[in-house]
Protein backbone atom coordinates (compact mmCIF):
# COMPACT_ATOMS: atom_id res chain seq x y z
CA MET A 1 55.74 -46.78 -54.61
CA LYS A 2 53.90 -43.93 -54.83
CA LYS A 3 52.01 -45.76 -57.53
CA THR A 4 51.33 -49.06 -55.41
CA VAL A 5 48.31 -47.81 -53.38
CA PRO A 6 46.25 -46.42 -56.60
CA LEU A 7 47.48 -48.82 -58.78
CA CYS A 8 46.15 -51.81 -56.47
CA PHE A 9 42.85 -49.64 -55.64
CA LEU A 10 41.63 -49.39 -59.23
CA ARG A 11 42.86 -52.88 -60.15
CA LYS A 12 40.27 -54.05 -57.71
CA LEU A 13 37.75 -51.27 -59.09
CA LEU A 14 38.14 -52.63 -62.77
CA LEU A 15 38.08 -56.28 -61.98
CA PRO A 16 34.75 -57.17 -64.04
CA PHE A 17 36.61 -55.24 -67.15
CA LEU A 18 39.92 -56.81 -66.63
CA ALA A 19 38.49 -61.01 -65.84
CA LEU A 20 38.43 -62.34 -68.82
CA ALA A 21 42.82 -62.07 -69.88
CA PRO A 22 45.10 -62.87 -66.54
CA LEU A 23 46.92 -59.42 -65.72
CA ALA A 24 50.33 -60.95 -65.76
CA ALA A 25 50.70 -61.41 -69.26
CA GLN A 26 49.54 -57.65 -69.93
CA ASP A 27 51.79 -54.54 -69.88
CA PRO A 28 48.58 -51.80 -67.99
CA GLY A 29 49.51 -48.20 -67.75
CA LEU A 30 48.18 -45.61 -65.12
CA ASN A 31 47.64 -42.20 -66.59
CA LEU A 32 46.87 -39.10 -64.52
CA ASP A 33 44.56 -36.15 -66.54
CA LEU A 34 42.52 -33.13 -65.53
CA LYS A 35 39.03 -32.56 -67.20
CA LEU A 36 37.31 -29.41 -67.36
CA ARG A 37 33.61 -29.79 -68.55
CA TRP A 38 31.00 -27.51 -69.64
CA GLY A 39 27.36 -28.59 -70.26
CA TYR A 40 24.03 -27.32 -71.81
CA GLY A 41 20.44 -28.65 -70.75
CA LEU A 42 18.47 -29.55 -73.64
CA VAL A 43 15.81 -29.25 -71.28
CA THR A 44 14.67 -26.33 -69.11
CA GLN A 45 13.53 -27.59 -66.00
CA ASP A 46 12.92 -26.18 -62.06
CA HIS A 47 13.88 -22.79 -63.13
CA LEU A 48 17.67 -24.39 -63.69
CA ARG A 49 19.84 -22.17 -66.07
CA PRO A 50 20.71 -24.63 -69.31
CA ALA A 51 24.32 -24.10 -68.76
CA ALA A 52 26.03 -26.29 -66.18
CA MET A 53 30.10 -26.74 -65.27
CA GLY A 54 32.79 -28.74 -63.56
CA PHE A 55 35.97 -30.18 -63.37
CA GLY A 56 37.48 -33.39 -61.84
CA LEU A 57 41.05 -35.58 -61.63
CA CYS A 58 41.20 -38.90 -63.63
CA GLY A 59 43.08 -41.97 -63.36
CA ALA A 60 43.12 -43.43 -66.39
CA TYR A 61 43.94 -46.76 -67.19
CA ASP A 62 44.70 -49.23 -70.14
CA THR A 63 43.43 -52.79 -70.43
CA PRO A 64 43.66 -55.12 -73.35
CA TYR A 65 39.92 -54.60 -74.37
CA GLY A 66 40.09 -50.29 -73.86
CA LYS A 67 40.82 -47.51 -71.33
CA VAL A 68 38.66 -47.06 -68.11
CA ASP A 69 38.27 -43.98 -66.23
CA LEU A 70 37.85 -43.16 -62.75
CA GLU A 71 37.19 -39.70 -61.37
CA LEU A 72 36.67 -37.57 -58.86
CA GLY A 73 35.40 -34.15 -59.40
CA TYR A 74 32.48 -31.75 -58.67
CA TYR A 75 29.29 -30.74 -60.65
CA TYR A 76 27.75 -27.60 -60.02
CA LYS A 77 24.62 -25.76 -62.54
CA THR A 78 23.02 -23.06 -61.02
CA GLY A 79 19.52 -21.08 -61.22
CA ASP A 80 17.61 -18.03 -61.27
CA GLN A 81 15.39 -15.94 -59.09
CA TYR A 82 11.81 -16.50 -59.56
CA LEU A 83 8.13 -15.55 -57.91
CA GLN A 84 5.97 -18.62 -57.16
CA PRO A 85 2.42 -17.94 -58.09
CA ILE A 86 -0.21 -17.53 -55.21
CA THR A 87 -2.95 -19.70 -56.20
CA GLU A 88 -4.28 -20.97 -53.39
CA GLN A 89 -6.90 -18.93 -51.31
CA ALA A 90 -7.30 -19.03 -47.35
CA PRO A 91 -10.19 -21.15 -45.72
CA ALA A 92 -13.43 -18.89 -45.34
CA PRO A 93 -14.24 -16.95 -43.17
CA LEU A 94 -10.56 -15.60 -43.63
CA ASN A 95 -10.29 -13.24 -45.93
CA PRO A 96 -8.61 -13.84 -49.85
CA VAL A 97 -5.15 -13.28 -50.04
CA ASN A 98 -3.91 -9.49 -50.47
CA GLN A 99 -1.75 -10.36 -54.07
CA ALA A 100 -0.61 -6.78 -54.15
CA MET A 101 1.30 -7.06 -50.64
CA SER A 102 2.32 -10.99 -50.31
CA GLY A 103 5.39 -12.35 -52.17
CA ASP A 104 6.66 -16.00 -52.87
CA SER A 105 10.73 -15.91 -53.64
CA ARG A 106 12.61 -19.00 -54.33
CA ARG A 107 16.03 -20.18 -56.11
CA ASN A 108 17.24 -23.73 -57.32
CA GLN A 109 20.39 -25.23 -58.06
CA LEU A 110 22.20 -28.62 -58.21
CA ASP A 111 26.00 -28.99 -57.21
CA GLY A 112 28.22 -31.88 -55.36
CA LEU A 113 31.12 -34.10 -55.38
CA ALA A 114 30.58 -36.11 -58.30
CA LEU A 115 32.47 -40.05 -59.26
CA ARG A 116 32.82 -40.91 -62.77
CA LEU A 117 33.78 -44.30 -63.91
CA SER A 118 34.12 -44.77 -67.96
CA PHE A 119 35.11 -47.16 -70.84
CA GLN A 120 36.59 -45.91 -73.58
CA ARG A 121 37.49 -47.97 -76.98
CA PRO A 122 39.07 -47.09 -80.20
CA ILE A 123 37.69 -46.61 -83.34
CA THR A 124 40.56 -44.83 -85.09
CA ASP A 125 44.21 -43.77 -84.37
CA ASP A 126 42.37 -40.71 -82.77
CA GLY A 127 39.11 -41.20 -81.75
CA SER A 128 37.57 -43.53 -79.04
CA TRP A 129 34.02 -43.86 -78.06
CA GLN A 130 32.69 -43.86 -74.14
CA VAL A 131 30.18 -45.07 -71.96
CA GLY A 132 30.22 -44.19 -68.09
CA VAL A 133 28.18 -43.13 -65.25
CA MET A 134 28.35 -39.89 -63.03
CA VAL A 135 27.53 -41.06 -59.55
CA GLY A 136 26.34 -37.78 -56.96
CA GLY A 137 27.01 -34.11 -57.81
CA THR A 138 23.42 -33.84 -57.95
CA ARG A 139 22.08 -32.27 -55.26
CA PHE A 140 19.11 -30.22 -55.22
CA LYS A 141 18.84 -27.01 -53.51
CA HIS A 142 15.51 -25.20 -53.25
CA GLU A 143 15.99 -21.84 -51.15
CA TYR A 144 12.40 -20.14 -50.25
CA VAL A 145 10.93 -17.09 -48.53
CA GLY A 146 7.46 -16.10 -48.34
CA ASP A 147 5.63 -13.18 -46.81
CA VAL A 148 1.67 -13.70 -47.65
CA GLU A 149 -1.25 -11.84 -46.07
CA GLY A 150 -4.92 -11.57 -46.14
CA GLN A 151 -6.94 -7.79 -47.19
CA ASN A 152 -7.54 -5.53 -44.92
CA TRP A 153 -4.24 -6.61 -42.64
CA THR A 154 -4.19 -2.91 -41.56
CA SER A 155 -6.90 -2.69 -40.49
CA PRO A 156 -9.26 -1.23 -38.30
CA THR A 157 -7.79 1.57 -36.88
CA ASP A 158 -10.66 1.38 -34.31
CA GLY A 159 -8.56 -0.87 -31.76
CA SER A 160 -11.63 -3.97 -32.90
CA VAL A 161 -9.72 -7.12 -33.76
CA ASP A 162 -10.49 -8.11 -37.13
CA THR A 163 -10.52 -12.01 -36.93
CA SER A 164 -10.78 -12.59 -40.66
CA THR A 165 -7.41 -10.93 -41.63
CA TRP A 166 -4.54 -12.87 -41.33
CA ARG A 167 -0.53 -12.74 -42.25
CA ASP A 168 1.84 -15.78 -43.17
CA THR A 169 5.62 -15.63 -42.91
CA TYR A 170 7.80 -18.65 -44.08
CA ASN A 171 11.11 -19.39 -45.14
CA GLY A 172 13.80 -22.26 -45.72
CA THR A 173 16.31 -24.45 -47.60
CA PRO A 174 16.04 -28.05 -48.35
CA VAL A 175 18.17 -30.09 -49.56
CA GLN A 176 17.90 -33.35 -51.71
CA GLY A 177 20.89 -35.40 -52.58
CA GLY A 178 21.98 -38.94 -52.73
CA PRO A 179 24.33 -41.17 -54.84
CA LYS A 180 21.83 -41.11 -57.75
CA ILE A 181 23.03 -42.41 -61.15
CA SER A 182 23.16 -40.39 -64.33
CA PRO A 183 24.29 -42.40 -67.79
CA PHE A 184 26.42 -40.76 -70.25
CA GLY A 185 27.70 -41.95 -73.64
CA GLY A 186 29.59 -40.16 -76.35
CA PHE A 187 33.29 -40.17 -78.21
CA VAL A 188 36.75 -39.03 -77.39
CA TYR A 189 39.47 -37.16 -79.93
CA ALA A 190 42.89 -36.91 -79.19
CA LEU A 191 43.90 -32.97 -80.10
CA SER A 192 47.89 -34.15 -78.91
CA GLY A 193 50.03 -36.57 -76.93
CA HIS A 194 49.17 -34.30 -73.94
CA SER A 195 45.34 -33.46 -74.54
CA SER A 196 42.02 -34.47 -76.23
CA LEU A 197 38.25 -33.56 -76.17
CA GLU A 198 35.18 -34.99 -75.15
CA ILE A 199 31.76 -34.95 -76.41
CA ASN A 200 29.10 -36.77 -74.28
CA LEU A 201 25.26 -36.60 -73.69
CA LEU A 202 24.57 -36.68 -70.25
CA LEU A 203 21.34 -37.73 -68.66
CA VAL A 204 21.40 -35.53 -65.21
CA ASN A 205 19.55 -37.57 -62.92
CA TYR A 206 18.31 -35.66 -60.03
CA THR A 207 15.21 -35.27 -57.48
CA ALA A 208 13.55 -31.64 -57.67
CA LEU A 209 11.80 -30.18 -54.56
CA SER A 210 9.26 -27.66 -54.24
CA TYR A 211 7.98 -26.25 -51.13
CA VAL A 212 3.97 -25.73 -51.15
CA HIS A 213 2.10 -23.25 -48.58
CA HIS A 214 -1.28 -23.65 -48.10
CA PRO A 215 -2.18 -19.47 -46.90
CA GLY A 216 -4.07 -19.37 -43.94
CA SER A 217 -3.34 -22.30 -42.42
CA GLY A 218 -1.13 -21.47 -39.41
CA THR A 219 -2.41 -20.93 -35.80
CA TYR A 220 -2.96 -17.46 -35.13
CA ALA A 221 -2.43 -14.96 -32.69
CA GLU A 222 -4.08 -11.17 -32.44
CA SER A 223 -0.50 -8.68 -33.65
CA THR A 224 -0.28 -4.87 -32.69
CA VAL A 225 1.14 -2.07 -34.56
CA PRO A 226 4.01 -0.93 -32.85
CA GLY A 227 3.46 2.09 -31.02
CA SER A 228 -0.36 2.31 -30.96
CA ASP A 229 -2.64 0.12 -29.61
CA SER A 230 -4.78 -0.71 -32.97
CA SER A 231 -5.08 -4.29 -33.88
CA VAL A 232 -4.17 -5.40 -37.10
CA GLY A 233 -5.77 -8.67 -37.41
CA ARG A 234 -4.03 -12.55 -36.55
CA ILE A 235 -0.28 -13.40 -37.60
CA ALA A 236 1.58 -17.00 -37.61
CA GLU A 237 4.76 -17.44 -36.04
CA ASN A 238 6.85 -18.28 -38.59
CA ASN A 239 7.28 -21.67 -40.51
CA ALA A 240 4.48 -22.71 -38.31
CA PHE A 241 2.13 -24.39 -41.31
CA PRO A 242 1.91 -28.11 -40.40
CA ALA A 243 -0.28 -28.48 -43.50
CA ASP A 244 2.59 -27.24 -46.21
CA THR A 245 4.54 -29.74 -47.71
CA LEU A 246 7.35 -30.42 -49.73
CA ASP A 247 6.98 -32.08 -53.27
CA LYS A 248 9.56 -34.30 -54.89
CA THR A 249 9.66 -34.69 -58.54
CA ASN A 250 12.70 -37.37 -60.15
CA ARG A 251 13.96 -35.93 -63.00
CA LEU A 252 15.97 -37.60 -66.19
CA SER A 253 17.77 -34.39 -67.75
CA PRO A 254 19.46 -34.52 -71.32
CA HIS A 255 22.35 -32.45 -71.15
CA PHE A 256 24.90 -32.03 -74.10
CA GLU A 257 28.61 -32.18 -72.82
CA LEU A 258 31.68 -30.93 -73.78
CA ALA A 259 34.96 -31.44 -71.75
CA TYR A 260 38.85 -30.64 -72.30
CA VAL A 261 40.99 -33.13 -70.80
CA LEU A 262 44.60 -32.35 -70.04
CA HIS A 263 47.12 -35.69 -69.78
CA PHE A 264 49.90 -35.61 -67.31
């Protein structure tokens, strides 16, 4: 009774693969697997590390034409902290960017729940080829924090207002996800009756994000140094930059993937 619900559910999902033969004449088998994955990107993009990892619980369903796997798991690929160059200058008559006193720090990562569907067909007694797709698992998280200021931000000291100096502060953590489809294909080798090894080429499909800040584009108010009467120019409220944008770039990144499979 415990297998009735998942078996019916898998049969509905696998109907396109089984349409050529009546189920009543077959003796299908349902097996449960645990898959531990390690990947390595062949192309490094968006300041992500090459290495990736993941795991999944899989229902393996034998058919007369091959084996179909339905897997629910998690995919993770982290990134390193990096500094975004500040190349754009503030519009005239504002002072140019003070590069020595400005900074923009960022970090990206991919992660998320992933659903995989694959089809395997034997080519030897111990080996099979497989093709499939991974849906999800590629939520792109973009973290950024910036503090950019114009030259002479701390001047003047005579109490007058310097309307040409300015300061911007901004931060955010936008996320881009969705059910993107990442195809893969490779080979499966049986190590024993209880374990096997998968070698795949996975094309990771995701949308990369990059925040674009335009220095000196905010609405500014005069700011005063605490405890003194000297004005230090104009400062914008945090994230008050309507001209800023969030660039989106679609990626299809090839990854070598190795998976160790435990059969229950």
